[in-house]
Amino acid sequence: MSKVRVLIVDDASFIRDLVKKGLRDHFPGVQIEEAVNGRKALQLLNKQSIDLILCDWEMPEMSGLELLTWCREQDNLKATPFIMVTSRGDKENVVQAIQAGVSDFIGKPFSNEQLVTKVKKALHRAGKLEAFAPNQKPASNAFANDSLAALTGGKAEVLKPAAPSTPVATPAPVASPKPSAAPAGRGQGSLRLPGGSMACVIKALSLKDAQLLVKRGQLLPQVLESVVLDLEQGESSEIARLNGYLHAVAAFEPKADSEWLLLTLRFVDSDPQKLDYLSRLIARGTAQKHFTPGG
C-alpha cells in the first residue's frame, strides 16, 4: 500500500490536533507533517513530497494565501490538492483564493464529518483515496465540480455574521430587576459552532480567553467544541475572526432552567495581528462596557 503524506499548516496547535485526530481516525496509515505557518511549510515542501495540504489562511510570517500562490508557481506542486481550513468564508476571500488556485475550503469551525468529506474529495481527485479503501466508492459525482457555488454552497448563513440564529436583542427577563436590551456595537458578537451560529454578548475579555453570554436555544454549545468568535471592528465594520474552543459551559443563573448560558472561550490564535486587535479592545476598556443580564 502506498503511503499518503498530508501537510497540516496552522499556527494554532489545537486546530492541528483536531485535524490530525480526524485524519488518523478515518485514514489509517496516513503520514502527517505539521507546520506552524506558511514559512515553515515552504521549507518543508522544499525537502519532501506532499500529497495533500490543509492550510489555515491567517498566520504569522507567511499567510495561507501566500503559501498557496507559491505552491502554484512550483512545477511539482501545481496539481497538489490545497485545502484552505479557514474562517475566511466571505465571497471576496473565496474568489481571491480560487484565483490563486485553491482546491477547496473547510470553514472554521468544522465538524469531523466535514473534514473527512473534504479530504476524501481531494484524495479522490488526486487518485490517492484507493490507498486507504480500495473498495470504497466516491461519495458523490460532484467531486469533479470546482465552481464558486460548490465552494460556498450551504455556508452563507454560517459565514455571514449578520442574522444570528438565536436573537438576543430583547432578552426575556432572567433575574430581578428586569434586564436592559443588549447594546449594539463591540459588546455583541456572533459565535460560530459546527452546528450553526448564535449571537453572543461579551461579558469579559482577555488575551487568552473571553466570557460570553448566549441565550439558551436549540443549539447547545459543547465543551471542547471548536468555535469562531466574530467581532465587528472599526468604522468600516470589518469582522475580526478569533478562533478558539469552549473551555466551559455553565448556567448564568443559579437554576437548572437558566435562560442564559455563560461560556468560557479559550483563544488558540497566535497571529500577532489578532493579538494586537485584542490588546486594543482591552485597552479601551471594552470589556467593562458590555451588557450583563439583570444589571
Protein backbone atom coordinates (compact mmCIF):
# COMPACT_ATOMS: atom_id res chain seq x y z
CA MET A 1 0.00 0.00 0.00
CA SER A 2 1.42 3.36 -0.99
CA LYS A 3 1.79 5.92 1.77
CA VAL A 4 -0.11 9.19 1.60
CA ARG A 5 1.53 12.21 3.21
CA VAL A 6 -0.58 15.16 4.38
CA LEU A 7 0.76 18.54 5.49
CA ILE A 8 -1.23 20.48 8.13
CA VAL A 9 -0.39 24.19 8.35
CA ASP A 10 -1.89 26.22 11.20
CA ASP A 11 -0.47 28.47 13.90
CA ALA A 12 -2.97 27.05 16.44
CA SER A 13 -1.88 23.71 17.91
CA PHE A 14 -5.48 22.97 18.95
CA ILE A 15 -6.65 23.12 15.34
CA ARG A 16 -3.73 20.98 14.16
CA ASP A 17 -4.60 18.39 16.81
CA LEU A 18 -8.26 18.33 15.69
CA VAL A 19 -7.25 17.77 12.08
CA LYS A 20 -4.67 15.10 12.98
CA LYS A 21 -7.19 13.14 15.03
CA GLY A 22 -9.80 13.28 12.26
CA LEU A 23 -7.31 12.08 9.66
CA ARG A 24 -5.87 9.26 11.76
CA ASP A 25 -9.32 8.00 12.75
CA HIS A 26 -10.53 7.75 9.15
CA PHE A 27 -7.36 7.25 7.10
CA PRO A 28 -5.27 4.51 8.75
CA GLY A 29 -1.59 4.72 7.92
CA VAL A 30 -1.68 8.34 6.76
CA GLN A 31 1.61 10.17 7.28
CA ILE A 32 1.17 13.64 8.76
CA GLU A 33 3.55 16.57 8.71
CA GLU A 34 2.97 19.85 10.57
CA ALA A 35 3.97 23.48 10.16
CA VAL A 36 3.09 26.47 12.36
CA ASN A 37 2.98 28.96 9.48
CA GLY A 38 3.46 29.31 5.75
CA ARG A 39 7.18 29.95 6.02
CA LYS A 40 7.80 26.69 7.87
CA ALA A 41 5.56 24.86 5.42
CA LEU A 42 7.52 26.26 2.47
CA GLN A 43 10.76 24.96 3.98
CA LEU A 44 9.23 21.52 4.48
CA LEU A 45 7.79 21.40 0.97
CA ASN A 46 11.27 22.09 -0.43
CA LYS A 47 12.56 18.95 1.30
CA GLN A 48 9.90 16.29 0.76
CA SER A 49 6.90 15.39 -1.34
CA ILE A 50 3.38 16.03 -0.02
CA ASP A 51 0.13 14.57 -1.40
CA LEU A 52 -2.34 16.98 0.26
CA ILE A 53 -2.04 20.35 2.01
CA LEU A 54 -4.54 21.50 4.64
CA CYS A 55 -3.73 25.12 5.42
CA ASP A 56 -5.00 28.00 7.55
CA TRP A 57 -5.33 31.43 5.94
CA GLU A 58 -4.32 33.87 8.69
CA MET A 59 -0.87 33.03 10.09
CA PRO A 60 2.21 34.97 11.16
CA GLU A 61 5.24 35.33 8.84
CA MET A 62 3.52 33.88 5.77
CA SER A 63 -0.22 33.54 5.19
CA GLY A 64 -2.03 30.61 3.67
CA LEU A 65 -2.82 32.62 0.55
CA GLU A 66 0.88 33.46 0.11
CA LEU A 67 1.80 29.80 0.54
CA LEU A 68 -0.87 28.78 -1.99
CA THR A 69 0.45 31.30 -4.52
CA TRP A 70 3.99 29.99 -4.06
CA CYS A 71 2.86 26.36 -4.42
CA ARG A 72 1.11 27.03 -7.72
CA GLU A 73 4.34 28.54 -9.07
CA GLN A 74 6.28 25.31 -8.41
CA ASP A 75 6.21 22.63 -11.10
CA ASN A 76 5.98 19.81 -8.55
CA LEU A 77 3.16 21.45 -6.56
CA LYS A 78 0.93 22.87 -9.28
CA ALA A 79 -1.50 19.98 -9.08
CA THR A 80 -1.15 19.15 -5.36
CA PRO A 81 -4.56 19.42 -3.62
CA PHE A 82 -4.57 22.52 -1.42
CA ILE A 83 -7.48 22.95 1.00
CA MET A 84 -7.93 26.16 2.98
CA VAL A 85 -9.07 25.45 6.56
CA THR A 86 -10.21 28.92 7.48
CA SER A 87 -12.80 31.21 8.99
CA ARG A 88 -12.46 33.49 5.94
CA GLY A 89 -15.52 32.40 4.03
CA ASP A 90 -16.64 35.76 2.66
CA LYS A 91 -17.28 35.78 -1.07
CA GLU A 92 -14.38 38.12 -1.86
CA ASN A 93 -11.95 35.88 0.03
CA VAL A 94 -13.27 32.77 -1.69
CA VAL A 95 -12.84 34.38 -5.12
CA GLN A 96 -9.33 35.51 -4.22
CA ALA A 97 -8.33 32.00 -3.19
CA ILE A 98 -9.92 30.42 -6.28
CA GLN A 99 -7.95 32.78 -8.49
CA ALA A 100 -4.78 31.73 -6.66
CA GLY A 101 -5.55 28.06 -7.35
CA VAL A 102 -7.15 26.70 -4.19
CA SER A 103 -8.70 23.23 -4.46
CA ASP A 104 -11.39 23.54 -1.79
CA PHE A 105 -12.37 25.08 1.54
CA ILE A 106 -13.16 23.83 5.04
CA GLY A 107 -14.83 26.54 7.08
CA LYS A 108 -13.92 27.03 10.73
CA PRO A 109 -15.39 25.78 12.92
CA PHE A 110 -15.77 22.38 11.27
CA SER A 111 -17.11 19.01 12.28
CA ASN A 112 -15.16 15.79 11.91
CA GLU A 113 -17.59 14.68 9.20
CA GLN A 114 -17.00 17.86 7.19
CA LEU A 115 -13.23 17.41 7.42
CA VAL A 116 -13.34 13.78 6.31
CA THR A 117 -15.69 14.54 3.41
CA LYS A 118 -13.42 17.28 2.05
CA VAL A 119 -10.27 15.17 2.43
CA LYS A 120 -11.91 12.19 0.66
CA LYS A 121 -12.92 14.51 -2.15
CA ALA A 122 -9.38 15.85 -2.55
CA LEU A 123 -7.74 12.41 -2.35
CA HIS A 124 -10.21 11.03 -4.89
CA ARG A 125 -9.31 13.76 -7.35
CA ALA A 126 -5.61 13.08 -6.82
CA GLY A 127 -6.06 9.31 -7.25
CA LYS A 128 -4.92 8.66 -3.67
CA LEU A 129 -8.16 7.58 -1.99
CA GLU A 130 -7.70 3.97 -3.11
CA ALA A 131 -4.60 3.77 -0.91
CA PHE A 132 -6.91 3.69 2.12
CA ALA A 133 -10.05 1.98 0.87
CA PRO A 134 -9.62 0.05 -2.41
CA ASN A 135 -13.28 -0.97 -2.36
CA GLN A 136 -14.61 2.44 -1.39
CA LYS A 137 -16.70 4.26 -3.96
CA PRO A 138 -16.65 8.05 -4.26
CA ALA A 139 -19.35 9.61 -2.10
CA SER A 140 -20.55 11.83 -4.92
CA ASN A 141 -20.00 12.52 -8.57
CA ALA A 142 -19.86 16.19 -7.57
CA PHE A 143 -16.16 15.62 -6.78
CA ALA A 144 -15.43 16.97 -10.25
CA ASN A 145 -17.13 20.29 -9.52
CA ASP A 146 -14.88 23.16 -8.50
CA SER A 147 -17.14 26.13 -9.01
CA LEU A 148 -17.66 29.08 -6.71
CA ALA A 149 -21.17 27.81 -6.00
CA ALA A 150 -19.82 24.44 -4.89
CA LEU A 151 -17.27 26.03 -2.58
CA THR A 152 -19.73 28.38 -0.92
CA GLY A 153 -22.87 26.26 -1.09
CA GLY A 154 -24.62 25.84 2.24
CA LYS A 155 -22.26 28.14 4.14
CA ALA A 156 -23.77 31.57 3.64
CA GLU A 157 -25.74 31.66 6.88
CA VAL A 158 -22.82 30.44 8.96
CA LEU A 159 -20.16 32.61 7.39
CA LYS A 160 -22.05 35.88 7.42
CA PRO A 161 -22.00 37.44 10.88
CA ALA A 162 -25.28 39.19 10.23
CA ALA A 163 -28.57 37.49 11.13
CA PRO A 164 -27.99 35.30 14.21
CA SER A 165 -29.91 32.07 14.59
CA THR A 166 -30.94 32.96 18.16
CA PRO A 167 -31.70 36.70 18.57
CA VAL A 168 -30.75 38.36 21.84
CA ALA A 169 -31.62 41.97 21.02
CA THR A 170 -34.50 41.99 23.51
CA PRO A 171 -33.85 39.18 26.00
CA ALA A 172 -36.61 37.95 28.26
CA PRO A 173 -36.25 38.63 31.99
CA VAL A 174 -33.78 36.28 33.63
CA ALA A 175 -33.47 37.93 37.01
CA SER A 176 -34.84 40.78 39.03
CA PRO A 177 -34.63 43.64 38.22
CA LYS A 178 -35.62 43.44 34.57
CA PRO A 179 -32.54 43.48 32.25
CA SER A 180 -31.98 46.16 29.67
CA ALA A 181 -31.69 45.33 25.98
CA ALA A 182 -28.31 44.17 24.72
CA PRO A 183 -26.45 47.18 23.29
CA ALA A 184 -25.22 47.39 19.73
CA GLY A 185 -21.54 47.69 18.84
CA ARG A 186 -18.50 45.97 20.24
CA GLY A 187 -20.44 44.49 23.14
CA GLN A 188 -22.02 41.92 20.85
CA GLY A 189 -20.63 39.32 18.50
CA SER A 190 -21.51 36.19 16.61
CA LEU A 191 -20.36 32.78 17.79
CA ARG A 192 -19.94 30.15 15.09
CA LEU A 193 -20.14 26.48 16.02
CA PRO A 194 -20.03 23.39 13.78
CA GLY A 195 -23.82 23.16 14.04
CA GLY A 196 -24.65 26.78 13.29
CA SER A 197 -24.23 30.30 14.62
CA MET A 198 -25.65 32.24 17.56
CA ALA A 199 -25.49 35.79 18.82
CA CYS A 200 -23.50 36.44 21.97
CA VAL A 201 -22.72 39.23 24.41
CA ILE A 202 -19.16 39.58 25.65
CA LYS A 203 -19.01 39.77 29.44
CA ALA A 204 -15.21 39.73 29.85
CA LEU A 205 -12.24 39.72 27.52
CA SER A 206 -8.52 39.00 27.81
CA LEU A 207 -5.68 37.96 25.50
CA LYS A 208 -6.24 34.32 26.45
CA ASP A 209 -9.99 33.95 26.72
CA ALA A 210 -13.43 35.52 26.69
CA GLN A 211 -16.59 35.06 28.73
CA LEU A 212 -19.67 35.07 26.53
CA LEU A 213 -23.36 35.16 27.32
CA VAL A 214 -25.70 33.33 24.95
CA LYS A 215 -29.41 32.75 25.14
CA ARG A 216 -30.31 29.13 25.56
CA GLY A 217 -31.91 27.60 22.49
CA GLN A 218 -31.96 24.55 20.25
CA LEU A 219 -28.25 24.97 19.53
CA LEU A 220 -26.44 23.93 22.71
CA PRO A 221 -22.67 24.62 22.82
CA GLN A 222 -20.46 21.74 23.96
CA VAL A 223 -17.23 21.79 25.99
CA LEU A 224 -14.08 21.41 23.81
CA GLU A 225 -16.08 22.30 20.70
CA SER A 226 -14.11 24.30 18.14
CA VAL A 227 -15.65 27.74 17.60
CA VAL A 228 -15.03 31.07 15.87
CA LEU A 229 -15.92 34.38 17.52
CA ASP A 230 -16.76 37.13 15.01
CA LEU A 231 -16.33 40.68 16.32
CA GLU A 232 -17.15 43.83 14.37
CA GLN A 233 -14.31 46.34 14.40
CA GLY A 234 -13.71 49.86 13.14
CA GLU A 235 -15.89 52.33 11.30
CA SER A 236 -15.84 50.15 8.19
CA SER A 237 -17.45 47.31 10.18
CA GLU A 238 -14.77 44.79 9.30
CA ILE A 239 -15.05 41.46 11.05
CA ALA A 240 -12.27 40.12 13.28
CA ARG A 241 -12.39 36.32 13.41
CA LEU A 242 -10.96 34.77 16.58
CA ASN A 243 -10.50 31.00 16.65
CA GLY A 244 -10.87 29.05 19.86
CA TYR A 245 -12.56 26.26 21.74
CA LEU A 246 -15.15 26.16 24.52
CA HIS A 247 -13.39 25.56 27.82
CA ALA A 248 -16.53 25.71 29.97
CA VAL A 249 -20.32 25.95 29.64
CA ALA A 250 -22.39 26.89 32.68
CA ALA A 251 -25.80 28.29 33.60
CA PHE A 252 -25.55 32.03 34.17
CA GLU A 253 -28.25 31.94 36.85
CA PRO A 254 -28.30 29.56 39.85
CA LYS A 255 -31.13 27.44 38.50
CA ALA A 256 -31.45 24.46 36.16
CA ASP A 257 -33.66 26.25 33.63
CA SER A 258 -31.41 29.31 33.31
CA GLU A 259 -32.33 31.20 30.17
CA TRP A 260 -28.73 32.42 29.71
CA LEU A 261 -25.55 30.36 29.42
CA LEU A 262 -22.10 31.60 30.37
CA LEU A 263 -19.41 30.28 28.01
CA THR A 264 -15.67 30.44 28.55
CA LEU A 265 -13.89 30.61 25.19
CA ARG A 266 -10.15 29.95 25.06
CA PHE A 267 -8.38 31.55 22.11
CA VAL A 268 -5.99 29.44 20.04
CA ASP A 269 -4.67 32.05 17.58
CA SER A 270 -1.06 33.18 17.80
CA ASP A 271 -1.35 35.63 14.90
CA PRO A 272 0.22 38.95 16.08
CA GLN A 273 -2.45 40.97 14.25
CA LYS A 274 -5.25 39.27 16.16
CA LEU A 275 -3.41 39.61 19.47
CA ASP A 276 -2.87 43.30 18.73
CA TYR A 277 -6.57 43.73 17.99
CA LEU A 278 -7.47 42.07 21.30
CA SER A 279 -4.97 44.27 23.13
CA ARG A 280 -6.56 47.41 21.71
CA LEU A 281 -10.04 46.23 22.67
CA ILE A 282 -8.93 45.58 26.23
CA ALA A 283 -7.02 48.87 26.45
CA ARG A 284 -10.16 50.77 25.51
CA GLY A 285 -11.95 49.16 28.40
CA THR A 286 -14.42 47.44 26.12
CA ALA A 287 -14.97 44.55 28.48
CA GLN A 288 -16.22 46.83 31.24
CA LYS A 289 -18.90 48.29 28.96
CA HIS A 290 -20.51 45.03 27.97
CA PHE A 291 -24.07 44.23 28.84
CA THR A 292 -24.85 41.92 31.74
CA PRO A 293 -28.36 40.42 32.06
CA GLY A 294 -30.02 41.61 35.24
CA GLY A 295 -27.69 44.59 35.60
